[in-house]
Structures are given as structure tokens and as C-alpha cells.
Amino acid sequence: MTTATSTATSTALPAGAPDASGARNARVLALCQGLFTCAISIDLTLTALTGWQLAPDKSLATLPFALITVAGAVVTWFAAFLIQRLGRRWSFVLGAASCCVGGLVSVWSVWQGHFWSFCAGTALVGVFQAFAQYYRLAAADAVPEAAKSRAIATVLAGGVIAALVGPALAAWSKDWIATALFAGAYLVVAAMGLLSVLALLLFYRDQPVAAVRTESDGAPARALGQIVRTPVFLASVANNVAGSMVMMFIMTAAPLAAVACHHGIDDGAAIIQWHLMGMYAPSFFAGRLVQRVGLGPVLLAGLAMNLGCAVVAMLSTTLPAFYLALLLLGVGWNFMFVGGTTLLAQSYAPSERAKTQGFSELLRYAATALATLGAGPLLARFGWQTLNLAILPVLLLSALATLHWMRGQRRAATLPPAGLR
């Protein structure tokens, strides 16, 4: 989108338009995704510890950590409409600039020992997170339908190295400022935001939205309530929301469960790094896999891997079982997220984009926030095996929604063209 008021019907690319520029933008967004993942992993690695160090009341120690997710959830709905009004480039620049400012506020807060301003700094990083979640959708919107999965996977692939480098950067930079422990790490967070701003300004360009064949082609924009009842939207939510909720639920509890099962703290960290590789490494081939075998089979494979995670975790608490379960969880999330985002990009006409994307991302944020908050208490009360058992109904609902969409696709494929009916 090149102007603040341009509509999709006037700027949409034809479905078969060349996607060279879209592919280039996807690579730029992959770089930005990597910078975002580095920044957020540093913040998530150290924020709870920094909060404990600064909090006037230790019961508030996790508040700065929670504000990253809360701020992201609050902003994500508004971000969708701001992107429609300002365009993606300037909206993403605004989000990245929020990270830069948030990192600098965090540095100053740690230096001065101010807890509440530190909360403001982490909340600004949450604003960055809200905008960065639209990178994959921006890549999908800019290419024809057949290339959407590959564009989404390209963006997510940017998180592979960053997922491993981020925690290392946190450990390396936390002692940079001798008189203010952890302040140096937040300086790196600010640098990640600044680099994102530069990459977006120098290399990213807004593009028209590629046309997608929908049932509403040529019709006025539908009400949100009508959109969310369509099988394609329900299947997208079932995979994006359920996949992310299950992933956060199990991932949050896994290091605590590993320690409770008499494995070391370093083992818990290694399990999460293995999981992160599972989350992002499949992005190098997930898009091609969708093009080769189809979207439905990839979604079902992702669900099956999440089910495999639960089964492995319930059968054994050995260290290899933790590694295998969390690896399956990561790969399963990737397949569901790439596939679910592809479905989301197919569920709306261009004029319906902002409200549909905003509502879907709001649902996903709310679900993952609940999963993150509930994982620890439920683990303490019911144990690791029961926690994994609890994800099975969520996976079942996701499978049913996916199969319902696939059945509709098969039925539509058997119908004769409209002019022959």
C-alpha cells in the first residue's frame, strides 16, 4: 500500500503478477524478523531478573516481563489499522523506533534504579512486538496466492540464528556497564531497534496487495462477524491461535519441569534452545513443502507433531524425552503457524484486511498470554504429564476446524465452473 487512503481494489496486483519485488521485501522482513527475535530474546532472558533487582516489592518482579505481552496485546489491534492508514513501511519503522526508545529507557532505568520507568521501557518493547507480528502478513499480502506460504516461511526463517544468538548476546552484554548490571544488554536491545529502522528505511518499500480469490470478490466489504464464520478463517484461527497457545503453554513450563525431574538448570536452557531451532529451522523448507504436498497435509502434520510432543512427554521424563518433545513442539508450531498464516491471508478481501488481521492477532495474543500465565501454576498443581494431557482437547478442536475447511476445499474442487452450472 503506497498511500494512506489507498484501497485494495484500486491497488491490488493481479493474481498472476510477478512477485520478484515481493520476494525481495520478504528477505528484508526476514532480516527485521531476526533483529526483532534478537531484541525480544534478550529482553525475555533478563527482564525477570532485572525486575527482581529493581522492584520495590518483590511480588512486582515479573510485572515488567508481563508488560511486554500485555502491551503487545493492547497495541496489536490498533497496529493493524495504523498499517492500513500509514502504510507498512512507516508503521514498521514506528514499531522498531519504539524498541530503540524502550531499550534506552531500560538502560537509563537500570542505571538509575527506577522500577516504574523500567516497566515503561519493556512496554515499549511490547509495542515493537505487536508491529513485528505483522511482518509475515506483509510478506504474504505482497505476493500471489501460490507464493504466500513461501513468503511467510522466508520471514520466519530470519529467527533461526537470532533465536540462538539472542541469549548469547544477553549473557555477553549484561556486564558491559560495571556499575549497572544488565544495563548493557538493554543497550543491545536499543541497537536492534535502530538497525531495524535503518533496514526498513533503506531497503523496504510498500507494495500493493496481491489479489486473492475470495467468495466476496466484487462485493462490498463484509462485516467482521461474517468473516469469522467462514471455514477458512476458522481454520486459520484454529492453527495460529491454538498452535501458539499450545506452544507457549508447554514451552513456558518445560524448563521448570526439567528441573523438577532432577535435570540441571543448564539442561533446561539447552532444551529451550533445541525447541527454538525446531520453531524456526523448518522455515527454510516449509513454504516449498506446502507448494509440493498441499496446505492441508502440512497443517495436519503440524498437529500430529504437537500430539507427538504430548505423548513423548507423558511417557517419559528422561532428558532425551524432553529434547524430543520440545523439538516436536517447535516443528509442529512452525507448520501450523506457516499454514495458519497462509489461510489467514486467504480469508479476506483487501478492503477487509485490517480488521481481519487485527482480530486474528488479538485472539492469538490473548490466548498465548493466558497460556503463559497459567503454565506455571498448573504445572505446580498437576504436574508435567497432566499439563501435556491438557493440550489434547485444543489440538482436537484445531484438527476438526482444519478438516472442515479441507472438506469444503475438496467439495469446491469437484464443482464445475460457474458458467457451466
Protein backbone atom coordinates (compact mmCIF):
# COMPACT_ATOMS: atom_id res chain seq x y z
CA MET A 1 0.00 0.00 0.00
CA THR A 2 1.57 3.20 -1.12
CA THR A 3 -0.73 5.84 0.27
CA ALA A 4 -2.57 6.22 3.49
CA THR A 5 -6.01 6.08 1.89
CA SER A 6 -5.47 3.68 -0.99
CA THR A 7 -7.86 0.76 -1.08
CA ALA A 8 -7.12 -2.78 -2.10
CA THR A 9 -9.50 -2.72 -5.04
CA SER A 10 -7.57 0.12 -6.67
CA THR A 11 -4.04 -1.04 -5.86
CA ALA A 12 -4.27 -4.83 -5.79
CA LEU A 13 -1.93 -6.72 -8.04
CA PRO A 14 -3.45 -9.31 -10.35
CA ALA A 15 -3.21 -12.84 -9.01
CA GLY A 16 -0.59 -13.84 -11.54
CA ALA A 17 1.60 -10.75 -11.22
CA PRO A 18 5.36 -11.28 -10.89
CA ASP A 19 6.40 -11.43 -7.27
CA ALA A 20 10.09 -10.51 -7.56
CA SER A 21 9.61 -7.34 -5.51
CA GLY A 22 7.51 -9.25 -3.00
CA ALA A 23 10.26 -11.85 -2.60
CA ARG A 24 12.84 -9.08 -2.07
CA ASN A 25 10.65 -7.47 0.57
CA ALA A 26 10.23 -10.85 2.25
CA ARG A 27 14.01 -11.12 2.57
CA VAL A 28 14.18 -7.63 4.10
CA LEU A 29 11.44 -8.59 6.54
CA ALA A 30 13.35 -11.80 7.35
CA LEU A 31 16.29 -9.61 8.40
CA CYS A 32 13.95 -7.49 10.50
CA GLN A 33 12.44 -10.64 11.98
CA GLY A 34 15.93 -11.73 13.01
CA LEU A 35 16.65 -8.37 14.64
CA PHE A 36 13.28 -8.48 16.42
CA THR A 37 13.93 -12.03 17.67
CA CYS A 38 17.34 -10.98 19.00
CA ALA A 39 15.85 -8.00 20.83
CA ILE A 40 12.92 -9.87 22.31
CA SER A 41 15.03 -12.87 23.38
CA ILE A 42 17.42 -10.55 25.24
CA ASP A 43 14.51 -8.83 26.93
CA LEU A 44 12.82 -12.09 27.82
CA THR A 45 16.06 -13.63 29.09
CA LEU A 46 16.87 -10.84 31.54
CA THR A 47 13.67 -8.94 32.31
CA ALA A 48 12.51 -11.11 35.20
CA LEU A 49 15.95 -10.89 36.82
CA THR A 50 16.14 -7.14 36.27
CA GLY A 51 12.63 -6.73 37.66
CA TRP A 52 13.67 -8.62 40.79
CA GLN A 53 16.69 -6.35 41.13
CA LEU A 54 14.66 -3.11 40.79
CA ALA A 55 11.23 -3.89 42.24
CA PRO A 56 10.35 -2.07 45.48
CA ASP A 57 8.13 -5.05 46.30
CA LYS A 58 9.44 -8.42 45.08
CA SER A 59 5.89 -9.51 44.24
CA LEU A 60 6.12 -6.98 41.37
CA ALA A 61 9.29 -8.53 39.96
CA THR A 62 7.55 -10.20 36.99
CA LEU A 63 5.47 -7.12 36.08
CA PRO A 64 7.99 -5.76 33.52
CA PHE A 65 8.08 -9.19 31.87
CA ALA A 66 4.28 -9.36 31.74
CA LEU A 67 4.03 -5.86 30.27
CA ILE A 68 5.82 -6.98 27.10
CA THR A 69 2.94 -9.34 26.33
CA VAL A 70 0.22 -7.04 27.69
CA ALA A 71 1.42 -4.04 25.67
CA GLY A 72 1.66 -6.21 22.57
CA ALA A 73 -1.90 -7.47 23.07
CA VAL A 74 -3.26 -3.94 23.57
CA VAL A 75 -1.46 -2.45 20.57
CA THR A 76 -1.90 -5.26 18.04
CA TRP A 77 -5.49 -4.33 17.13
CA PHE A 78 -4.64 -0.66 16.62
CA ALA A 79 -1.46 -1.56 14.75
CA ALA A 80 -3.49 -3.26 12.02
CA PHE A 81 -5.44 -0.05 11.30
CA LEU A 82 -2.34 2.13 11.56
CA ILE A 83 -0.66 -0.07 8.97
CA GLN A 84 -3.66 0.46 6.69
CA ARG A 85 -3.50 4.24 7.18
CA LEU A 86 0.26 4.93 7.18
CA GLY A 87 1.43 2.01 5.07
CA ARG A 88 3.57 -0.88 6.24
CA ARG A 89 6.95 0.82 5.88
CA TRP A 90 6.31 3.76 8.18
CA SER A 91 4.26 1.69 10.61
CA PHE A 92 7.06 -0.87 10.93
CA VAL A 93 9.57 1.98 11.35
CA LEU A 94 7.41 3.32 14.19
CA GLY A 95 7.37 -0.10 15.85
CA ALA A 96 11.14 -0.52 15.52
CA ALA A 97 11.70 3.01 16.85
CA SER A 98 9.61 2.02 19.90
CA CYS A 99 12.12 -0.78 20.54
CA CYS A 100 15.03 1.65 20.28
CA VAL A 101 13.41 4.08 22.72
CA GLY A 102 12.32 1.26 25.01
CA GLY A 103 15.84 -0.13 25.15
CA LEU A 104 17.30 3.28 26.01
CA VAL A 105 14.64 3.86 28.68
CA SER A 106 15.52 0.45 30.14
CA VAL A 107 19.25 1.32 30.17
CA TRP A 108 18.55 4.59 32.00
CA SER A 109 16.16 2.87 34.41
CA VAL A 110 18.66 0.18 35.36
CA TRP A 111 21.39 2.80 35.70
CA GLN A 112 19.21 4.93 37.99
CA GLY A 113 17.45 2.06 39.75
CA HIS A 114 13.95 3.19 38.69
CA PHE A 115 11.48 0.29 38.56
CA TRP A 116 8.45 2.05 37.06
CA SER A 117 10.36 3.65 34.20
CA PHE A 118 11.84 0.21 33.52
CA CYS A 119 8.25 -1.05 33.17
CA ALA A 120 7.66 1.71 30.61
CA GLY A 121 10.74 0.58 28.70
CA THR A 122 9.65 -3.05 28.50
CA ALA A 123 6.14 -1.99 27.48
CA LEU A 124 7.66 -0.11 24.52
CA VAL A 125 9.40 -3.34 23.50
CA GLY A 126 5.94 -4.92 23.63
CA VAL A 127 4.79 -2.26 21.14
CA PHE A 128 7.63 -3.36 18.85
CA GLN A 129 6.48 -6.95 19.23
CA ALA A 130 2.94 -6.02 18.17
CA PHE A 131 4.14 -4.44 14.91
CA ALA A 132 6.72 -7.16 14.21
CA GLN A 133 3.97 -9.81 14.27
CA TYR A 134 2.69 -8.27 11.01
CA TYR A 135 5.97 -8.86 9.14
CA ARG A 136 4.85 -12.30 7.98
CA LEU A 137 1.44 -10.99 6.91
CA ALA A 138 3.01 -8.10 5.00
CA ALA A 139 5.15 -10.60 3.11
CA ALA A 140 2.11 -12.77 2.35
CA ASP A 141 -0.04 -9.86 1.18
CA ALA A 142 2.56 -8.71 -1.36
CA VAL A 143 2.77 -11.93 -3.39
CA PRO A 144 0.30 -14.02 -5.40
CA GLU A 145 -1.65 -16.78 -3.68
CA ALA A 146 0.66 -19.60 -4.74
CA ALA A 147 3.70 -17.85 -3.22
CA LYS A 148 2.21 -16.86 0.14
CA SER A 149 3.40 -19.85 2.17
CA ARG A 150 6.94 -19.46 0.88
CA ALA A 151 6.98 -15.72 1.68
CA ILE A 152 5.74 -16.38 5.23
CA ALA A 153 8.34 -19.10 5.75
CA THR A 154 11.09 -16.81 4.44
CA VAL A 155 10.25 -14.19 7.07
CA LEU A 156 10.13 -16.71 9.91
CA ALA A 157 13.48 -18.15 8.80
CA GLY A 158 15.04 -14.90 9.94
CA GLY A 159 14.54 -16.04 13.51
CA VAL A 160 16.74 -19.15 13.25
CA ILE A 161 20.14 -17.63 14.01
CA ALA A 162 18.66 -14.88 16.15
CA ALA A 163 16.92 -17.41 18.41
CA LEU A 164 20.33 -18.83 19.29
CA VAL A 165 22.32 -15.60 19.18
CA GLY A 166 19.90 -13.59 21.33
CA PRO A 167 20.50 -15.40 24.65
CA ALA A 168 24.25 -15.39 23.96
CA LEU A 169 24.11 -11.63 23.36
CA ALA A 170 22.28 -11.21 26.65
CA ALA A 171 24.97 -13.11 28.55
CA TRP A 172 27.79 -11.27 26.73
CA SER A 173 26.45 -7.73 27.17
CA LYS A 174 24.89 -7.78 30.63
CA ASP A 175 28.17 -6.78 32.30
CA TRP A 176 29.18 -4.06 29.84
CA ILE A 177 28.38 -1.32 32.36
CA ALA A 178 30.16 -2.29 35.55
CA THR A 179 28.05 -0.10 37.85
CA ALA A 180 24.68 -1.22 36.40
CA LEU A 181 24.20 -4.97 35.97
CA PHE A 182 22.11 -5.85 32.88
CA ALA A 183 22.11 -2.27 31.53
CA GLY A 184 24.48 -3.20 28.69
CA ALA A 185 22.07 -5.85 27.42
CA TYR A 186 19.31 -3.29 27.05
CA LEU A 187 21.71 -1.14 25.06
CA VAL A 188 21.86 -4.05 22.61
CA VAL A 189 18.03 -4.12 22.55
CA ALA A 190 18.09 -0.43 21.55
CA ALA A 191 20.68 -1.22 18.85
CA MET A 192 18.45 -3.97 17.41
CA GLY A 193 15.62 -1.46 17.13
CA LEU A 194 17.86 1.10 15.45
CA LEU A 195 19.17 -1.46 12.95
CA SER A 196 15.58 -2.42 12.15
CA VAL A 197 14.70 1.22 11.48
CA LEU A 198 17.67 1.56 9.12
CA ALA A 199 16.88 -1.68 7.28
CA LEU A 200 13.26 -0.65 6.76
CA LEU A 201 14.12 2.86 5.59
CA LEU A 202 16.89 1.76 3.26
CA PHE A 203 15.57 -1.46 1.75
CA TYR A 204 11.83 -1.95 2.35
CA ARG A 205 9.20 -0.47 0.03
CA ASP A 206 5.43 -0.63 0.33
CA GLN A 207 3.70 -2.70 -2.32
CA PRO A 208 0.12 -3.12 -3.48
CA VAL A 209 -1.74 -6.08 -2.05
CA ALA A 210 -1.75 -9.08 -4.36
CA ALA A 211 -5.24 -10.14 -5.32
CA VAL A 212 -6.67 -13.25 -3.67
CA ARG A 213 -9.69 -15.12 -4.96
CA THR A 214 -12.36 -14.97 -2.27
CA GLU A 215 -16.09 -15.57 -2.17
CA SER A 216 -16.54 -11.83 -1.63
CA ASP A 217 -14.73 -10.71 -4.81
CA GLY A 218 -16.61 -7.77 -6.29
CA ALA A 219 -18.85 -7.45 -3.23
CA PRO A 220 -18.84 -4.76 -0.54
CA ALA A 221 -16.56 -5.36 2.45
CA ARG A 222 -18.13 -7.90 4.79
CA ALA A 223 -18.78 -7.36 8.47
CA LEU A 224 -16.22 -8.93 10.77
CA GLY A 225 -18.84 -11.28 12.18
CA GLN A 226 -19.44 -12.65 8.69
CA ILE A 227 -15.75 -13.14 8.01
CA VAL A 228 -15.02 -15.01 11.25
CA ARG A 229 -17.72 -17.58 10.48
CA THR A 230 -16.09 -18.68 7.22
CA PRO A 231 -14.34 -22.08 7.27
CA VAL A 232 -11.07 -20.60 6.01
CA PHE A 233 -10.91 -18.05 8.84
CA LEU A 234 -11.90 -20.62 11.46
CA ALA A 235 -9.18 -22.96 10.21
CA SER A 236 -6.62 -20.13 10.27
CA VAL A 237 -7.52 -19.26 13.87
CA ALA A 238 -7.52 -22.92 14.87
CA ASN A 239 -3.92 -23.25 13.70
CA ASN A 240 -2.48 -19.80 14.53
CA VAL A 241 -4.16 -19.39 17.91
CA ALA A 242 -4.24 -23.00 19.07
CA GLY A 243 -0.72 -23.71 17.80
CA SER A 244 0.74 -20.67 19.55
CA MET A 245 -1.24 -21.30 22.73
CA VAL A 246 -0.10 -24.92 23.00
CA MET A 247 3.48 -23.96 22.18
CA MET A 248 3.69 -21.24 24.84
CA PHE A 249 1.89 -23.41 27.41
CA ILE A 250 4.37 -26.27 27.12
CA MET A 251 7.49 -24.18 26.40
CA THR A 252 6.95 -21.96 29.45
CA ALA A 253 6.63 -24.94 31.76
CA ALA A 254 9.36 -27.13 30.23
CA PRO A 255 12.46 -25.65 31.99
CA LEU A 256 10.66 -25.77 35.36
CA ALA A 257 9.52 -29.32 34.71
CA ALA A 258 13.04 -30.38 33.70
CA VAL A 259 14.48 -29.06 36.97
CA ALA A 260 11.65 -30.71 38.93
CA CYS A 261 12.58 -34.00 37.22
CA HIS A 262 16.16 -33.64 38.58
CA HIS A 263 17.76 -32.27 35.42
CA GLY A 264 20.10 -29.27 35.66
CA ILE A 265 19.28 -25.61 35.01
CA ASP A 266 21.68 -25.69 32.06
CA ASP A 267 19.72 -28.66 30.71
CA GLY A 268 16.54 -26.58 30.84
CA ALA A 269 18.19 -23.80 28.84
CA ALA A 270 19.52 -26.28 26.28
CA ILE A 271 16.05 -27.81 25.90
CA ILE A 272 14.64 -24.38 25.04
CA GLN A 273 17.40 -23.69 22.52
CA TRP A 274 16.65 -27.02 20.85
CA HIS A 275 12.98 -26.07 20.83
CA LEU A 276 13.75 -22.70 19.22
CA MET A 277 15.63 -24.46 16.44
CA GLY A 278 12.56 -26.60 15.89
CA MET A 279 10.42 -23.47 15.72
CA TYR A 280 12.43 -21.63 13.10
CA ALA A 281 14.64 -24.05 11.15
CA PRO A 282 11.72 -25.66 9.22
CA SER A 283 11.02 -22.23 7.73
CA PHE A 284 13.78 -22.93 5.22
CA PHE A 285 11.63 -25.62 3.60
CA ALA A 286 8.05 -25.24 4.96
CA GLY A 287 6.93 -22.96 2.12
CA ARG A 288 8.19 -25.37 -0.54
CA LEU A 289 6.59 -28.27 1.35
CA VAL A 290 3.21 -26.52 1.24
CA GLN A 291 3.60 -26.00 -2.52
CA ARG A 292 4.59 -29.64 -3.00
CA VAL A 293 2.12 -31.59 -0.84
CA GLY A 294 -0.59 -29.00 -0.16
CA LEU A 295 -1.62 -26.81 2.75
CA GLY A 296 -3.95 -29.31 4.43
CA PRO A 297 -1.39 -32.12 4.83
CA VAL A 298 1.19 -29.69 6.27
CA LEU A 299 -1.33 -28.40 8.83
CA LEU A 300 -2.25 -31.96 9.84
CA ALA A 301 1.45 -32.85 10.10
CA GLY A 302 1.92 -29.91 12.47
CA LEU A 303 -0.99 -31.11 14.61
CA ALA A 304 0.46 -34.64 14.61
CA MET A 305 3.84 -33.36 15.84
CA ASN A 306 2.18 -31.46 18.67
CA LEU A 307 0.34 -34.65 19.57
CA GLY A 308 3.68 -36.49 19.43
CA CYS A 309 5.13 -33.94 21.86
CA ALA A 310 2.35 -34.67 24.36
CA VAL A 311 2.71 -38.43 24.00
CA VAL A 312 6.50 -38.39 24.46
CA ALA A 313 6.25 -36.08 27.48
CA MET A 314 3.60 -38.27 29.13
CA LEU A 315 5.58 -41.47 28.56
CA SER A 316 8.97 -40.33 29.88
CA THR A 317 10.69 -37.59 31.87
CA THR A 318 14.24 -38.51 30.83
CA LEU A 319 16.40 -35.78 29.33
CA PRO A 320 16.23 -37.23 25.77
CA ALA A 321 12.42 -37.27 26.10
CA PHE A 322 12.41 -33.57 26.98
CA TYR A 323 14.62 -32.81 23.98
CA LEU A 324 12.44 -34.84 21.60
CA ALA A 325 9.15 -33.48 22.95
CA LEU A 326 10.24 -29.85 22.69
CA LEU A 327 11.71 -30.40 19.23
CA LEU A 328 8.40 -31.88 18.03
CA LEU A 329 6.58 -28.98 19.65
CA GLY A 330 8.71 -26.45 17.79
CA VAL A 331 8.39 -28.08 14.36
CA GLY A 332 4.66 -28.61 14.91
CA TRP A 333 4.21 -24.93 15.76
CA ASN A 334 6.11 -23.89 12.63
CA PHE A 335 3.92 -25.99 10.31
CA MET A 336 0.73 -24.77 11.99
CA PHE A 337 1.88 -21.14 12.03
CA VAL A 338 3.04 -21.03 8.42
CA GLY A 339 -0.10 -22.85 7.28
CA GLY A 340 -2.44 -20.87 9.52
CA THR A 341 -0.99 -17.56 8.38
CA THR A 342 -1.41 -18.66 4.75
CA LEU A 343 -5.07 -19.38 5.45
CA LEU A 344 -5.48 -16.04 7.19
CA ALA A 345 -4.07 -14.24 4.14
CA GLN A 346 -6.66 -16.06 2.01
CA SER A 347 -9.62 -15.27 4.27
CA TYR A 348 -10.19 -11.60 3.48
CA ALA A 349 -10.65 -9.26 0.58
CA PRO A 350 -8.12 -6.39 0.52
CA SER A 351 -10.67 -3.92 1.94
CA GLU A 352 -11.22 -6.28 4.88
CA ARG A 353 -7.54 -6.78 5.69
CA ALA A 354 -7.03 -4.52 8.72
CA LYS A 355 -9.97 -5.70 10.81
CA THR A 356 -9.46 -9.37 9.95
CA GLN A 357 -5.72 -9.37 10.68
CA GLY A 358 -6.19 -7.26 13.81
CA PHE A 359 -8.89 -9.52 15.24
CA SER A 360 -6.92 -12.70 14.49
CA GLU A 361 -3.74 -11.34 16.09
CA LEU A 362 -5.70 -10.10 19.11
CA LEU A 363 -7.14 -13.59 19.64
CA ARG A 364 -3.67 -15.11 19.31
CA TYR A 365 -2.10 -12.69 21.79
CA ALA A 366 -4.89 -13.17 24.33
CA ALA A 367 -4.63 -16.97 24.10
CA THR A 368 -0.84 -17.05 24.41
CA ALA A 369 -0.93 -14.60 27.33
CA LEU A 370 -3.38 -16.88 29.17
CA ALA A 371 -1.22 -19.91 28.35
CA THR A 372 1.93 -18.19 29.63
CA LEU A 373 0.29 -17.06 32.86
CA GLY A 374 -1.36 -20.41 33.51
CA ALA A 375 1.52 -22.77 32.72
CA GLY A 376 3.48 -22.29 35.95
CA PRO A 377 0.59 -22.61 38.44
CA LEU A 378 -0.92 -25.59 36.59
CA LEU A 379 2.46 -27.32 36.46
CA ALA A 380 2.91 -26.84 40.21
CA ARG A 381 -0.54 -28.20 40.96
CA PHE A 382 -0.99 -31.03 38.46
CA GLY A 383 2.46 -31.98 37.14
CA TRP A 384 4.18 -32.26 33.75
CA GLN A 385 2.27 -35.24 32.38
CA THR A 386 -1.13 -33.72 33.18
CA LEU A 387 -0.05 -30.43 31.61
CA ASN A 388 0.65 -32.22 28.34
CA LEU A 389 -2.62 -34.14 28.58
CA ALA A 390 -4.45 -30.81 28.84
CA ILE A 391 -3.41 -29.73 25.33
CA LEU A 392 -5.16 -32.66 23.64
CA PRO A 393 -8.67 -31.06 23.54
CA VAL A 394 -7.17 -27.92 21.99
CA LEU A 395 -5.44 -29.99 19.32
CA LEU A 396 -8.66 -31.90 18.65
CA LEU A 397 -10.63 -28.69 18.08
CA SER A 398 -7.92 -27.44 15.74
CA ALA A 399 -7.97 -30.71 13.81
CA LEU A 400 -11.75 -30.56 13.41
CA ALA A 401 -11.66 -26.98 12.10
CA THR A 402 -8.86 -27.89 9.67
CA LEU A 403 -10.66 -30.99 8.39
CA HIS A 404 -13.87 -28.98 7.94
CA TRP A 405 -12.00 -26.46 5.76
CA MET A 406 -10.30 -29.25 3.80
CA ARG A 407 -13.65 -30.92 3.15
CA GLY A 408 -15.02 -27.65 1.77
CA GLN A 409 -11.97 -27.28 -0.47
CA ARG A 410 -12.44 -30.78 -1.88
CA ARG A 411 -16.15 -30.12 -2.46
CA ALA A 412 -15.40 -26.85 -4.26
CA ALA A 413 -12.78 -28.56 -6.44
CA THR A 414 -15.38 -31.08 -7.72
CA LEU A 415 -17.89 -28.40 -8.76
CA PRO A 416 -17.98 -27.40 -12.46
CA PRO A 417 -17.04 -23.81 -13.39
CA ALA A 418 -19.76 -21.26 -12.61
CA GLY A 419 -20.61 -20.76 -16.29
CA LEU A 420 -21.32 -24.49 -16.76
CA ARG A 421 -23.60 -24.98 -13.77
